[in-house]
Amino acid sequence: MSRSKAFLFVVVLGCFWLLFRYLEGGEQTMALIATTLIVRGKMAFSEVPTTLKDQVRQMLNDIDMDQLIEEKAK
């Protein structure tokens, strides 16, 4: 393999690694956004995707806003 092809391979591999690292924290960010929307009254806990409900529930408990889970569930 020539040097230019090896360099291109390393650059592409590095880009994929950076993209993977960037997307890895996406679930935590989405849970934080959902929590913020719930606190502001723009979203109900029942509207949160099931994959994020545990994280959002924990975040609401951490800021003593767990009553928002109960109010919207009724």
N, C-alpha and C. Protein backbone atom coordinates (compact mmCIF):
# COMPACT_ATOMS: atom_id res chain seq x y z
N MET A 1 0.85 -1.17 0.00
CA MET A 1 0.00 0.00 0.00
C MET A 1 0.90 1.24 0.00
N SER A 2 0.58 2.20 -0.85
CA SER A 2 1.40 3.41 -0.91
C SER A 2 1.14 4.30 0.31
N ARG A 3 2.02 5.26 0.51
CA ARG A 3 1.89 6.14 1.67
C ARG A 3 0.60 6.96 1.63
N SER A 4 0.22 7.44 0.46
CA SER A 4 -0.99 8.26 0.37
C SER A 4 -2.24 7.45 0.69
N LYS A 5 -2.28 6.19 0.28
CA LYS A 5 -3.42 5.34 0.60
C LYS A 5 -3.45 5.01 2.09
N ALA A 6 -2.29 4.77 2.67
CA ALA A 6 -2.21 4.48 4.10
C ALA A 6 -2.63 5.70 4.91
N PHE A 7 -2.19 6.88 4.49
CA PHE A 7 -2.58 8.11 5.17
C PHE A 7 -4.08 8.33 5.08
N LEU A 8 -4.65 8.13 3.91
CA LEU A 8 -6.09 8.28 3.71
C LEU A 8 -6.86 7.29 4.58
N PHE A 9 -6.37 6.07 4.67
CA PHE A 9 -7.01 5.06 5.51
C PHE A 9 -7.02 5.49 6.97
N VAL A 10 -5.89 6.01 7.45
CA VAL A 10 -5.79 6.46 8.84
C VAL A 10 -6.73 7.64 9.08
N VAL A 11 -6.82 8.56 8.14
CA VAL A 11 -7.70 9.72 8.29
C VAL A 11 -9.16 9.28 8.34
N VAL A 12 -9.56 8.40 7.45
CA VAL A 12 -10.94 7.91 7.43
C VAL A 12 -11.25 7.14 8.71
N LEU A 13 -10.34 6.30 9.14
CA LEU A 13 -10.53 5.55 10.38
C LEU A 13 -10.66 6.50 11.57
N GLY A 14 -9.85 7.54 11.60
CA GLY A 14 -9.92 8.54 12.66
C GLY A 14 -11.24 9.28 12.66
N CYS A 15 -11.75 9.60 11.49
CA CYS A 15 -13.05 10.28 11.39
C CYS A 15 -14.17 9.39 11.92
N PHE A 16 -14.14 8.12 11.58
CA PHE A 16 -15.16 7.21 12.10
C PHE A 16 -15.06 7.08 13.61
N TRP A 17 -13.84 7.04 14.14
CA TRP A 17 -13.66 6.94 15.58
C TRP A 17 -14.22 8.19 16.27
N LEU A 18 -13.94 9.38 15.73
CA LEU A 18 -14.46 10.62 16.31
C LEU A 18 -15.99 10.68 16.24
N LEU A 19 -16.54 10.25 15.12
CA LEU A 19 -18.00 10.22 14.98
C LEU A 19 -18.63 9.28 15.99
N PHE A 20 -18.03 8.12 16.18
CA PHE A 20 -18.53 7.16 17.16
C PHE A 20 -18.48 7.74 18.56
N ARG A 21 -17.38 8.39 18.92
CA ARG A 21 -17.23 9.00 20.24
C ARG A 21 -18.25 10.13 20.44
N TYR A 22 -18.53 10.88 19.38
CA TYR A 22 -19.49 11.98 19.46
C TYR A 22 -20.91 11.45 19.67
N LEU A 23 -21.27 10.40 18.96
CA LEU A 23 -22.62 9.86 19.04
C LEU A 23 -22.84 9.01 20.29
N GLU A 24 -21.79 8.61 20.94
CA GLU A 24 -21.88 7.73 22.09
C GLU A 24 -22.64 8.39 23.25
N GLY A 25 -22.49 9.67 23.46
CA GLY A 25 -23.16 10.37 24.54
C GLY A 25 -24.54 10.89 24.18
N GLY A 26 -25.07 10.52 23.07
CA GLY A 26 -26.35 11.02 22.59
C GLY A 26 -27.52 10.65 23.47
N GLU A 27 -27.51 9.47 24.05
CA GLU A 27 -28.62 9.04 24.88
C GLU A 27 -28.73 9.89 26.14
N GLN A 28 -27.60 10.19 26.75
CA GLN A 28 -27.59 11.04 27.95
C GLN A 28 -28.10 12.43 27.62
N THR A 29 -27.69 12.96 26.48
CA THR A 29 -28.13 14.28 26.05
C THR A 29 -29.63 14.31 25.81
N MET A 30 -30.15 13.28 25.16
CA MET A 30 -31.59 13.22 24.90
C MET A 30 -32.39 13.12 26.20
N ALA A 31 -31.88 12.40 27.18
CA ALA A 31 -32.55 12.30 28.47
C ALA A 31 -32.57 13.65 29.16
N LEU A 32 -31.49 14.39 29.06
CA LEU A 32 -31.43 15.72 29.66
C LEU A 32 -32.41 16.67 28.97
N ILE A 33 -32.51 16.60 27.66
CA ILE A 33 -33.45 17.44 26.92
C ILE A 33 -34.89 17.09 27.31
N ALA A 34 -35.20 15.81 27.39
CA ALA A 34 -36.54 15.39 27.78
C ALA A 34 -36.87 15.85 29.19
N THR A 35 -35.92 15.76 30.11
CA THR A 35 -36.13 16.22 31.49
C THR A 35 -36.41 17.71 31.51
N THR A 36 -35.66 18.47 30.75
CA THR A 36 -35.86 19.92 30.69
C THR A 36 -37.24 20.25 30.15
N LEU A 37 -37.67 19.56 29.11
CA LEU A 37 -38.99 19.80 28.53
C LEU A 37 -40.11 19.45 29.51
N ILE A 38 -39.93 18.40 30.29
CA ILE A 38 -40.92 18.02 31.28
C ILE A 38 -41.03 19.08 32.37
N VAL A 39 -39.89 19.55 32.86
CA VAL A 39 -39.89 20.57 33.91
C VAL A 39 -40.55 21.85 33.42
N ARG A 40 -40.33 22.20 32.18
CA ARG A 40 -40.92 23.42 31.63
C ARG A 40 -42.38 23.24 31.21
N GLY A 41 -42.89 22.03 31.30
CA GLY A 41 -44.29 21.78 30.96
C GLY A 41 -44.57 21.61 29.48
N LYS A 42 -43.55 21.41 28.69
CA LYS A 42 -43.70 21.25 27.24
C LYS A 42 -43.87 19.80 26.82
N MET A 43 -43.62 18.87 27.75
CA MET A 43 -43.69 17.44 27.44
C MET A 43 -44.16 16.71 28.68
N ALA A 44 -44.89 15.64 28.48
CA ALA A 44 -45.32 14.79 29.59
C ALA A 44 -44.37 13.60 29.70
N PHE A 45 -44.25 13.08 30.91
CA PHE A 45 -43.37 11.92 31.11
C PHE A 45 -43.83 10.74 30.24
N SER A 46 -45.12 10.62 30.03
CA SER A 46 -45.64 9.52 29.21
C SER A 46 -45.19 9.61 27.75
N GLU A 47 -44.75 10.78 27.32
CA GLU A 47 -44.29 10.97 25.94
C GLU A 47 -42.81 10.60 25.75
N VAL A 48 -42.11 10.37 26.83
CA VAL A 48 -40.68 10.03 26.76
C VAL A 48 -40.53 8.62 26.19
N PRO A 49 -39.62 8.41 25.25
CA PRO A 49 -39.39 7.07 24.71
C PRO A 49 -38.99 6.09 25.83
N THR A 50 -39.42 4.87 25.71
CA THR A 50 -39.18 3.88 26.76
C THR A 50 -37.70 3.66 27.03
N THR A 51 -36.86 3.85 26.04
CA THR A 51 -35.42 3.65 26.24
C THR A 51 -34.81 4.73 27.14
N LEU A 52 -35.49 5.85 27.28
CA LEU A 52 -34.96 6.96 28.08
C LEU A 52 -35.67 7.13 29.42
N LYS A 53 -36.76 6.42 29.63
CA LYS A 53 -37.58 6.65 30.83
C LYS A 53 -36.82 6.47 32.13
N ASP A 54 -35.98 5.47 32.24
CA ASP A 54 -35.24 5.26 33.49
C ASP A 54 -34.30 6.42 33.78
N GLN A 55 -33.60 6.90 32.75
CA GLN A 55 -32.69 8.02 32.93
C GLN A 55 -33.44 9.30 33.29
N VAL A 56 -34.55 9.54 32.61
CA VAL A 56 -35.34 10.74 32.87
C VAL A 56 -35.93 10.68 34.28
N ARG A 57 -36.43 9.51 34.66
CA ARG A 57 -36.98 9.34 36.02
C ARG A 57 -35.91 9.64 37.06
N GLN A 58 -34.69 9.15 36.84
CA GLN A 58 -33.60 9.40 37.77
C GLN A 58 -33.24 10.89 37.82
N MET A 59 -33.21 11.54 36.68
CA MET A 59 -32.90 12.97 36.64
C MET A 59 -33.96 13.78 37.37
N LEU A 60 -35.22 13.44 37.17
CA LEU A 60 -36.30 14.15 37.86
C LEU A 60 -36.22 13.91 39.37
N ASN A 61 -35.87 12.71 39.78
CA ASN A 61 -35.69 12.44 41.20
C ASN A 61 -34.51 13.22 41.77
N ASP A 62 -33.44 13.34 41.00
CA ASP A 62 -32.26 14.06 41.46
C ASP A 62 -32.53 15.54 41.73
N ILE A 63 -33.46 16.12 40.98
CA ILE A 63 -33.76 17.55 41.18
C ILE A 63 -35.07 17.74 41.95
N ASP A 64 -35.50 16.69 42.63
CA ASP A 64 -36.71 16.73 43.47
C ASP A 64 -37.95 17.16 42.70
N MET A 65 -38.09 16.70 41.49
CA MET A 65 -39.25 16.99 40.66
C MET A 65 -39.99 15.71 40.29
N ASP A 66 -39.87 14.68 41.13
CA ASP A 66 -40.49 13.40 40.82
C ASP A 66 -42.02 13.48 40.81
N GLN A 67 -42.60 14.55 41.35
CA GLN A 67 -44.05 14.70 41.29
C GLN A 67 -44.53 14.88 39.85
N LEU A 68 -43.66 15.32 38.96
CA LEU A 68 -44.04 15.47 37.55
C LEU A 68 -44.27 14.11 36.90
N ILE A 69 -43.60 13.09 37.38
CA ILE A 69 -43.82 11.73 36.87
C ILE A 69 -45.20 11.27 37.29
N GLU A 70 -45.56 11.49 38.55
CA GLU A 70 -46.83 11.03 39.09
C GLU A 70 -48.00 11.81 38.49
N GLU A 71 -47.87 13.15 38.36
CA GLU A 71 -48.95 13.96 37.86
C GLU A 71 -49.33 13.56 36.43
N LYS A 72 -48.35 13.34 35.59
CA LYS A 72 -48.63 13.04 34.19
C LYS A 72 -49.08 11.59 34.01
N ALA A 73 -48.75 10.72 34.96
CA ALA A 73 -49.12 9.32 34.83
C ALA A 73 -50.59 9.10 35.16
N LYS A 74 -51.22 9.99 35.92
CA LYS A 74 -52.62 9.84 36.32
C LYS A 74 -53.58 10.05 35.20
